[in-house]
Amino acid sequence: MGERPHYKIIIEPLSEEDGGGFVATVPDLPGCMSDGATEFEAVQNVQDAITCWIEAAEEEHRPVPVPSHLRRAAAG
């Protein structure tokens, strides 16, 4: 696999009821998310989740979405 594309990551705080900290999601990769005690940790953890998501998709011969910001640039 070549260089991994850069996907948009959304970081949101988790409520104390959900354990606190932050959740990081990747809208272009359905179900790809992770969390962490800090925003930085959540981003680090979701980077691993992105790698795992892409590897699983490739192993299962599923398409790996192009990051949405690159789709918009190609269309423009």
PDB file of N, CA and C in Angstrom:
ATOM      1  N   MET A   1       0.844  -1.171   0.000  1.00  0.00           N
ATOM      2  CA  MET A   1       0.000   0.000   0.000  1.00  0.00           C
ATOM      3  C   MET A   1       0.888   1.232   0.000  1.00  0.00           C
ATOM      4  N   GLY A   2       0.516   2.263  -0.810  1.00  0.00           N
ATOM      5  CA  GLY A   2       1.271   3.501  -0.868  1.00  0.00           C
ATOM      6  C   GLY A   2       0.958   4.383   0.314  1.00  0.00           C
ATOM      7  N   GLU A   3       1.272   5.664   0.119  1.00  0.00           N
ATOM      8  CA  GLU A   3       0.981   6.626   1.187  1.00  0.00           C
ATOM      9  C   GLU A   3      -0.522   6.711   1.425  1.00  0.00           C
ATOM     10  N   ARG A   4      -0.903   6.701   2.679  1.00  0.00           N
ATOM     11  CA  ARG A   4      -2.324   6.758   3.045  1.00  0.00           C
ATOM     12  C   ARG A   4      -2.870   8.156   2.776  1.00  0.00           C
ATOM     13  N   PRO A   5      -4.052   8.239   2.139  1.00  0.00           N
ATOM     14  CA  PRO A   5      -4.652   9.559   1.933  1.00  0.00           C
ATOM     15  C   PRO A   5      -5.035  10.197   3.267  1.00  0.00           C
ATOM     16  N   HIS A   6      -5.181  11.498   3.257  1.00  0.00           N
ATOM     17  CA  HIS A   6      -5.553  12.231   4.468  1.00  0.00           C
ATOM     18  C   HIS A   6      -7.053  12.458   4.480  1.00  0.00           C
ATOM     19  N   TYR A   7      -7.709  11.922   5.485  1.00  0.00           N
ATOM     20  CA  TYR A   7      -9.151  12.035   5.627  1.00  0.00           C
ATOM     21  C   TYR A   7      -9.509  13.083   6.674  1.00  0.00           C
ATOM     22  N   LYS A   8     -10.660  13.727   6.462  1.00  0.00           N
ATOM     23  CA  LYS A   8     -11.180  14.677   7.433  1.00  0.00           C
ATOM     24  C   LYS A   8     -11.547  13.928   8.712  1.00  0.00           C
ATOM     25  N   ILE A   9     -11.176  14.482   9.847  1.00  0.00           N
ATOM     26  CA  ILE A   9     -11.474  13.902  11.158  1.00  0.00           C
ATOM     27  C   ILE A   9     -12.310  14.911  11.936  1.00  0.00           C
ATOM     28  N   ILE A  10     -13.390  14.438  12.523  1.00  0.00           N
ATOM     29  CA  ILE A  10     -14.229  15.285  13.370  1.00  0.00           C
ATOM     30  C   ILE A  10     -14.012  14.857  14.814  1.00  0.00           C
ATOM     31  N   ILE A  11     -13.692  15.826  15.668  1.00  0.00           N
ATOM     32  CA  ILE A  11     -13.441  15.547  17.084  1.00  0.00           C
ATOM     33  C   ILE A  11     -14.552  16.194  17.901  1.00  0.00           C
ATOM     34  N   GLU A  12     -15.147  15.407  18.777  1.00  0.00           N
ATOM     35  CA  GLU A  12     -16.217  15.908  19.635  1.00  0.00           C
ATOM     36  C   GLU A  12     -15.982  15.428  21.062  1.00  0.00           C
ATOM     37  N   PRO A  13     -16.348  16.262  22.040  1.00  0.00           N
ATOM     38  CA  PRO A  13     -16.219  15.828  23.436  1.00  0.00           C
ATOM     39  C   PRO A  13     -17.264  14.760  23.761  1.00  0.00           C
ATOM     40  N   LEU A  14     -16.874  13.856  24.627  1.00  0.00           N
ATOM     41  CA  LEU A  14     -17.801  12.851  25.149  1.00  0.00           C
ATOM     42  C   LEU A  14     -18.334  13.334  26.494  1.00  0.00           C
ATOM     43  N   SER A  15     -19.581  13.036  26.763  1.00  0.00           N
ATOM     44  CA  SER A  15     -20.161  13.422  28.049  1.00  0.00           C
ATOM     45  C   SER A  15     -19.526  12.587  29.164  1.00  0.00           C
ATOM     46  N   GLU A  16     -19.642  13.075  30.378  1.00  0.00           N
ATOM     47  CA  GLU A  16     -19.145  12.306  31.517  1.00  0.00           C
ATOM     48  C   GLU A  16     -19.867  10.965  31.610  1.00  0.00           C
ATOM     49  N   GLU A  17     -21.135  10.933  31.227  1.00  0.00           N
ATOM     50  CA  GLU A  17     -21.893   9.673  31.227  1.00  0.00           C
ATOM     51  C   GLU A  17     -21.293   8.655  30.270  1.00  0.00           C
ATOM     52  N   ASP A  18     -20.663   9.159  29.187  1.00  0.00           N
ATOM     53  CA  ASP A  18     -20.017   8.277  28.206  1.00  0.00           C
ATOM     54  C   ASP A  18     -18.541   8.060  28.528  1.00  0.00           C
ATOM     55  N   GLY A  19     -18.092   8.503  29.683  1.00  0.00           N
ATOM     56  CA  GLY A  19     -16.717   8.274  30.098  1.00  0.00           C
ATOM     57  C   GLY A  19     -15.794   9.459  29.930  1.00  0.00           C
ATOM     58  N   GLY A  20     -16.306  10.568  29.384  1.00  0.00           N
ATOM     59  CA  GLY A  20     -15.462  11.746  29.198  1.00  0.00           C
ATOM     60  C   GLY A  20     -14.473  11.557  28.064  1.00  0.00           C
ATOM     61  N   GLY A  21     -13.625  12.520  27.877  1.00  0.00           N
ATOM     62  CA  GLY A  21     -12.639  12.470  26.806  1.00  0.00           C
ATOM     63  C   GLY A  21     -13.237  12.946  25.494  1.00  0.00           C
ATOM     64  N   PHE A  22     -12.703  12.427  24.395  1.00  0.00           N
ATOM     65  CA  PHE A  22     -13.093  12.873  23.070  1.00  0.00           C
ATOM     66  C   PHE A  22     -13.254  11.692  22.137  1.00  0.00           C
ATOM     67  N   VAL A  23     -14.144  11.850  21.162  1.00  0.00           N
ATOM     68  CA  VAL A  23     -14.322  10.850  20.118  1.00  0.00           C
ATOM     69  C   VAL A  23     -13.911  11.494  18.799  1.00  0.00           C
ATOM     70  N   ALA A  24     -13.198  10.733  17.985  1.00  0.00           N
ATOM     71  CA  ALA A  24     -12.779  11.191  16.662  1.00  0.00           C
ATOM     72  C   ALA A  24     -13.422  10.271  15.636  1.00  0.00           C
ATOM     73  N   THR A  25     -14.137  10.860  14.671  1.00  0.00           N
ATOM     74  CA  THR A  25     -14.784  10.079  13.624  1.00  0.00           C
ATOM     75  C   THR A  25     -14.268  10.519  12.260  1.00  0.00           C
ATOM     76  N   VAL A  26     -14.366   9.597  11.299  1.00  0.00           N
ATOM     77  CA  VAL A  26     -13.913   9.852   9.932  1.00  0.00           C
ATOM     78  C   VAL A  26     -15.124   9.691   9.017  1.00  0.00           C
ATOM     79  N   PRO A  27     -15.778  10.799   8.646  1.00  0.00           N
ATOM     80  CA  PRO A  27     -17.025  10.710   7.882  1.00  0.00           C
ATOM     81  C   PRO A  27     -16.917   9.941   6.562  1.00  0.00           C
ATOM     82  N   ASP A  28     -15.765  10.001   5.907  1.00  0.00           N
ATOM     83  CA  ASP A  28     -15.607   9.317   4.625  1.00  0.00           C
ATOM     84  C   ASP A  28     -15.474   7.805   4.755  1.00  0.00           C
ATOM     85  N   LEU A  29     -15.199   7.314   5.961  1.00  0.00           N
ATOM     86  CA  LEU A  29     -15.011   5.876   6.188  1.00  0.00           C
ATOM     87  C   LEU A  29     -16.065   5.411   7.191  1.00  0.00           C
ATOM     88  N   PRO A  30     -17.182   4.891   6.715  1.00  0.00           N
ATOM     89  CA  PRO A  30     -18.288   4.511   7.611  1.00  0.00           C
ATOM     90  C   PRO A  30     -17.839   3.612   8.764  1.00  0.00           C
ATOM     91  N   GLY A  31     -18.195   4.036   9.965  1.00  0.00           N
ATOM     92  CA  GLY A  31     -17.876   3.257  11.162  1.00  0.00           C
ATOM     93  C   GLY A  31     -16.469   3.451  11.697  1.00  0.00           C
ATOM     94  N   CYS A  32     -15.669   4.271  11.033  1.00  0.00           N
ATOM     95  CA  CYS A  32     -14.280   4.482  11.460  1.00  0.00           C
ATOM     96  C   CYS A  32     -14.256   5.566  12.524  1.00  0.00           C
ATOM     97  N   MET A  33     -13.883   5.165  13.744  1.00  0.00           N
ATOM     98  CA  MET A  33     -13.830   6.113  14.855  1.00  0.00           C
ATOM     99  C   MET A  33     -12.929   5.567  15.951  1.00  0.00           C
ATOM    100  N   SER A  34     -12.538   6.442  16.834  1.00  0.00           N
ATOM    101  CA  SER A  34     -11.791   6.053  18.018  1.00  0.00           C
ATOM    102  C   SER A  34     -11.975   7.153  19.050  1.00  0.00           C
ATOM    103  N   ASP A  35     -11.422   6.941  20.234  1.00  0.00           N
ATOM    104  CA  ASP A  35     -11.546   7.957  21.275  1.00  0.00           C
ATOM    105  C   ASP A  35     -10.233   8.098  22.013  1.00  0.00           C
ATOM    106  N   GLY A  36     -10.209   9.045  22.927  1.00  0.00           N
ATOM    107  CA  GLY A  36      -9.030   9.271  23.737  1.00  0.00           C
ATOM    108  C   GLY A  36      -9.343  10.237  24.854  1.00  0.00           C
ATOM    109  N   ALA A  37      -8.477  10.268  25.834  1.00  0.00           N
ATOM    110  CA  ALA A  37      -8.671  11.153  26.981  1.00  0.00           C
ATOM    111  C   ALA A  37      -8.531  12.620  26.584  1.00  0.00           C
ATOM    112  N   THR A  38      -7.705  12.880  25.559  1.00  0.00           N
ATOM    113  CA  THR A  38      -7.508  14.248  25.063  1.00  0.00           C
ATOM    114  C   THR A  38      -7.812  14.258  23.566  1.00  0.00           C
ATOM    115  N   GLU A  39      -7.972  15.460  23.001  1.00  0.00           N
ATOM    116  CA  GLU A  39      -8.183  15.574  21.563  1.00  0.00           C
ATOM    117  C   GLU A  39      -7.000  14.968  20.803  1.00  0.00           C
ATOM    118  N   PHE A  40      -5.803  15.254  21.260  1.00  0.00           N
ATOM    119  CA  PHE A  40      -4.594  14.737  20.612  1.00  0.00           C
ATOM    120  C   PHE A  40      -4.589  13.215  20.614  1.00  0.00           C
ATOM    121  N   GLU A  41      -4.902  12.622  21.753  1.00  0.00           N
ATOM    122  CA  GLU A  41      -4.928  11.165  21.861  1.00  0.00           C
ATOM    123  C   GLU A  41      -6.005  10.567  20.949  1.00  0.00           C
ATOM    124  N   ALA A  42      -7.158  11.210  20.870  1.00  0.00           N
ATOM    125  CA  ALA A  42      -8.233  10.727  19.996  1.00  0.00           C
ATOM    126  C   ALA A  42      -7.782  10.736  18.534  1.00  0.00           C
ATOM    127  N   VAL A  43      -7.071  11.785  18.125  1.00  0.00           N
ATOM    128  CA  VAL A  43      -6.568  11.868  16.746  1.00  0.00           C
ATOM    129  C   VAL A  43      -5.520  10.785  16.504  1.00  0.00           C
ATOM    130  N   GLN A  44      -4.610  10.602  17.434  1.00  0.00           N
ATOM    131  CA  GLN A  44      -3.611   9.538  17.280  1.00  0.00           C
ATOM    132  C   GLN A  44      -4.289   8.178  17.136  1.00  0.00           C
ATOM    133  N   ASN A  45      -5.267   7.918  17.987  1.00  0.00           N
ATOM    134  CA  ASN A  45      -5.953   6.630  17.961  1.00  0.00           C
ATOM    135  C   ASN A  45      -6.751   6.434  16.676  1.00  0.00           C
ATOM    136  N   VAL A  46      -7.376   7.503  16.175  1.00  0.00           N
ATOM    137  CA  VAL A  46      -8.173   7.345  14.957  1.00  0.00           C
ATOM    138  C   VAL A  46      -7.266   7.156  13.735  1.00  0.00           C
ATOM    139  N   GLN A  47      -6.033   7.630  13.800  1.00  0.00           N
ATOM    140  CA  GLN A  47      -5.093   7.356  12.707  1.00  0.00           C
ATOM    141  C   GLN A  47      -4.871   5.840  12.575  1.00  0.00           C
ATOM    142  N   ASP A  48      -4.747   5.156  13.706  1.00  0.00           N
ATOM    143  CA  ASP A  48      -4.629   3.691  13.679  1.00  0.00           C
ATOM    144  C   ASP A  48      -5.903   3.056  13.134  1.00  0.00           C
ATOM    145  N   ALA A  49      -7.053   3.615  13.517  1.00  0.00           N
ATOM    146  CA  ALA A  49      -8.335   3.088  13.040  1.00  0.00           C
ATOM    147  C   ALA A  49      -8.460   3.257  11.526  1.00  0.00           C
ATOM    148  N   ILE A  50      -7.977   4.375  10.995  1.00  0.00           N
ATOM    149  CA  ILE A  50      -8.005   4.594   9.545  1.00  0.00           C
ATOM    150  C   ILE A  50      -7.173   3.521   8.840  1.00  0.00           C
ATOM    151  N   THR A  51      -5.979   3.277   9.348  1.00  0.00           N
ATOM    152  CA  THR A  51      -5.121   2.256   8.752  1.00  0.00           C
ATOM    153  C   THR A  51      -5.814   0.897   8.765  1.00  0.00           C
ATOM    154  N   CYS A  52      -6.408   0.531   9.893  1.00  0.00           N
ATOM    155  CA  CYS A  52      -7.097  -0.757  10.007  1.00  0.00           C
ATOM    156  C   CYS A  52      -8.308  -0.822   9.074  1.00  0.00           C
ATOM    157  N   TRP A  53      -9.063   0.276   8.970  1.00  0.00           N
ATOM    158  CA  TRP A  53     -10.241   0.329   8.093  1.00  0.00           C
ATOM    159  C   TRP A  53      -9.825   0.069   6.656  1.00  0.00           C
ATOM    160  N   ILE A  54      -8.773   0.763   6.200  1.00  0.00           N
ATOM    161  CA  ILE A  54      -8.303   0.617   4.817  1.00  0.00           C
ATOM    162  C   ILE A  54      -7.768  -0.790   4.572  1.00  0.00           C
ATOM    163  N   GLU A  55      -6.986  -1.322   5.507  1.00  0.00           N
ATOM    164  CA  GLU A  55      -6.450  -2.676   5.348  1.00  0.00           C
ATOM    165  C   GLU A  55      -7.572  -3.707   5.251  1.00  0.00           C
ATOM    166  N   ALA A  56      -8.593  -3.577   6.093  1.00  0.00           N
ATOM    167  CA  ALA A  56      -9.723  -4.509   6.060  1.00  0.00           C
ATOM    168  C   ALA A  56     -10.469  -4.400   4.732  1.00  0.00           C
ATOM    169  N   ALA A  57     -10.689  -3.181   4.253  1.00  0.00           N
ATOM    170  CA  ALA A  57     -11.380  -2.991   2.979  1.00  0.00           C
ATOM    171  C   ALA A  57     -10.593  -3.640   1.839  1.00  0.00           C
ATOM    172  N   GLU A  58      -9.290  -3.450   1.838  1.00  0.00           N
ATOM    173  CA  GLU A  58      -8.468  -4.031   0.779  1.00  0.00           C
ATOM    174  C   GLU A  58      -8.481  -5.559   0.844  1.00  0.00           C
ATOM    175  N   GLU A  59      -8.400  -6.120   2.054  1.00  0.00           N
ATOM    176  CA  GLU A  59      -8.437  -7.579   2.209  1.00  0.00           C
ATOM    177  C   GLU A  59      -9.758  -8.166   1.734  1.00  0.00           C
ATOM    178  N   GLU A  60     -10.843  -7.411   1.916  1.00  0.00           N
ATOM    179  CA  GLU A  60     -12.181  -7.873   1.543  1.00  0.00           C
ATOM    180  C   GLU A  60     -12.570  -7.401   0.142  1.00  0.00           C
ATOM    181  N   HIS A  61     -11.612  -6.799  -0.580  1.00  0.00           N
ATOM    182  CA  HIS A  61     -11.838  -6.314  -1.944  1.00  0.00           C
ATOM    183  C   HIS A  61     -13.000  -5.330  -2.029  1.00  0.00           C
ATOM    184  N   ARG A  62     -13.118  -4.497  -0.985  1.00  0.00           N
ATOM    185  CA  ARG A  62     -14.110  -3.414  -0.985  1.00  0.00           C
ATOM    186  C   ARG A  62     -13.396  -2.135  -1.403  1.00  0.00           C
ATOM    187  N   PRO A  63     -14.117  -1.227  -2.048  1.00  0.00           N
ATOM    188  CA  PRO A  63     -13.475   0.031  -2.451  1.00  0.00           C
ATOM    189  C   PRO A  63     -13.119   0.890  -1.243  1.00  0.00           C
ATOM    190  N   VAL A  64     -12.012   1.587  -1.356  1.00  0.00           N
ATOM    191  CA  VAL A  64     -11.603   2.547  -0.332  1.00  0.00           C
ATOM    192  C   VAL A  64     -11.971   3.933  -0.855  1.00  0.00           C
ATOM    193  N   PRO A  65     -12.863   4.626  -0.166  1.00  0.00           N
ATOM    194  CA  PRO A  65     -13.302   5.940  -0.654  1.00  0.00           C
ATOM    195  C   PRO A  65     -12.157   6.942  -0.755  1.00  0.00           C
ATOM    196  N   VAL A  66     -12.225   7.737  -1.798  1.00  0.00           N
ATOM    197  CA  VAL A  66     -11.306   8.864  -1.930  1.00  0.00           C
ATOM    198  C   VAL A  66     -11.771   9.917  -0.928  1.00  0.00           C
ATOM    199  N   PRO A  67     -10.848  10.570  -0.217  1.00  0.00           N
ATOM    200  CA  PRO A  67     -11.270  11.622   0.716  1.00  0.00           C
ATOM    201  C   PRO A  67     -12.153  12.651   0.008  1.00  0.00           C
ATOM    202  N   SER A  68     -13.197  13.085   0.686  1.00  0.00           N
ATOM    203  CA  SER A  68     -14.176  13.988   0.068  1.00  0.00           C
ATOM    204  C   SER A  68     -13.542  15.287  -0.417  1.00  0.00           C
ATOM    205  N   HIS A  69     -12.533  15.800   0.268  1.00  0.00           N
ATOM    206  CA  HIS A  69     -11.908  17.046  -0.186  1.00  0.00           C
ATOM    207  C   HIS A  69     -11.188  16.846  -1.509  1.00  0.00           C
ATOM    208  N   LEU A  70     -10.708  15.633  -1.792  1.00  0.00           N
ATOM    209  CA  LEU A  70     -10.062  15.367  -3.079  1.00  0.00           C
ATOM    210  C   LEU A  70     -11.102  15.165  -4.176  1.00  0.00           C
ATOM    211  N   ARG A  71     -12.255  14.600  -3.831  1.00  0.00           N
ATOM    212  CA  ARG A  71     -13.336  14.441  -4.816  1.00  0.00           C
ATOM    213  C   ARG A  71     -13.820  15.810  -5.269  1.00  0.00           C
ATOM    214  N   ARG A  72     -13.979  16.740  -4.325  1.00  0.00           N
ATOM    215  CA  ARG A  72     -14.432  18.092  -4.664  1.00  0.00           C
ATOM    216  C   ARG A  72     -13.387  18.791  -5.550  1.00  0.00           C
ATOM    217  N   ALA A  73     -12.107  18.627  -5.236  1.00  0.00           N
ATOM    218  CA  ALA A  73     -11.046  19.275  -6.016  1.00  0.00           C
ATOM    219  C   ALA A  73     -11.021  18.723  -7.444  1.00  0.00           C
ATOM    220  N   ALA A  74     -11.230  17.419  -7.597  1.00  0.00           N
ATOM    221  CA  ALA A  74     -11.217  16.807  -8.930  1.00  0.00           C
ATOM    222  C   ALA A  74     -12.425  17.252  -9.747  1.00  0.00           C
ATOM    223  N   ALA A  75     -13.541  17.500  -9.078  1.00  0.00           N
ATOM    224  CA  ALA A  75     -14.763  17.901  -9.778  1.00  0.00           C
ATOM    225  C   ALA A  75     -14.718  19.361 -10.201  1.00  0.00           C
ATOM    226  N   GLY A  76     -13.905  20.156  -9.501  1.00  0.00           N
ATOM    227  CA  GLY A  76     -13.875  21.609  -9.746  1.00  0.00           C
ATOM    228  C   GLY A  76     -13.020  21.944 -10.861  1.00  0.00           C
TER     229      GLY A  76
END
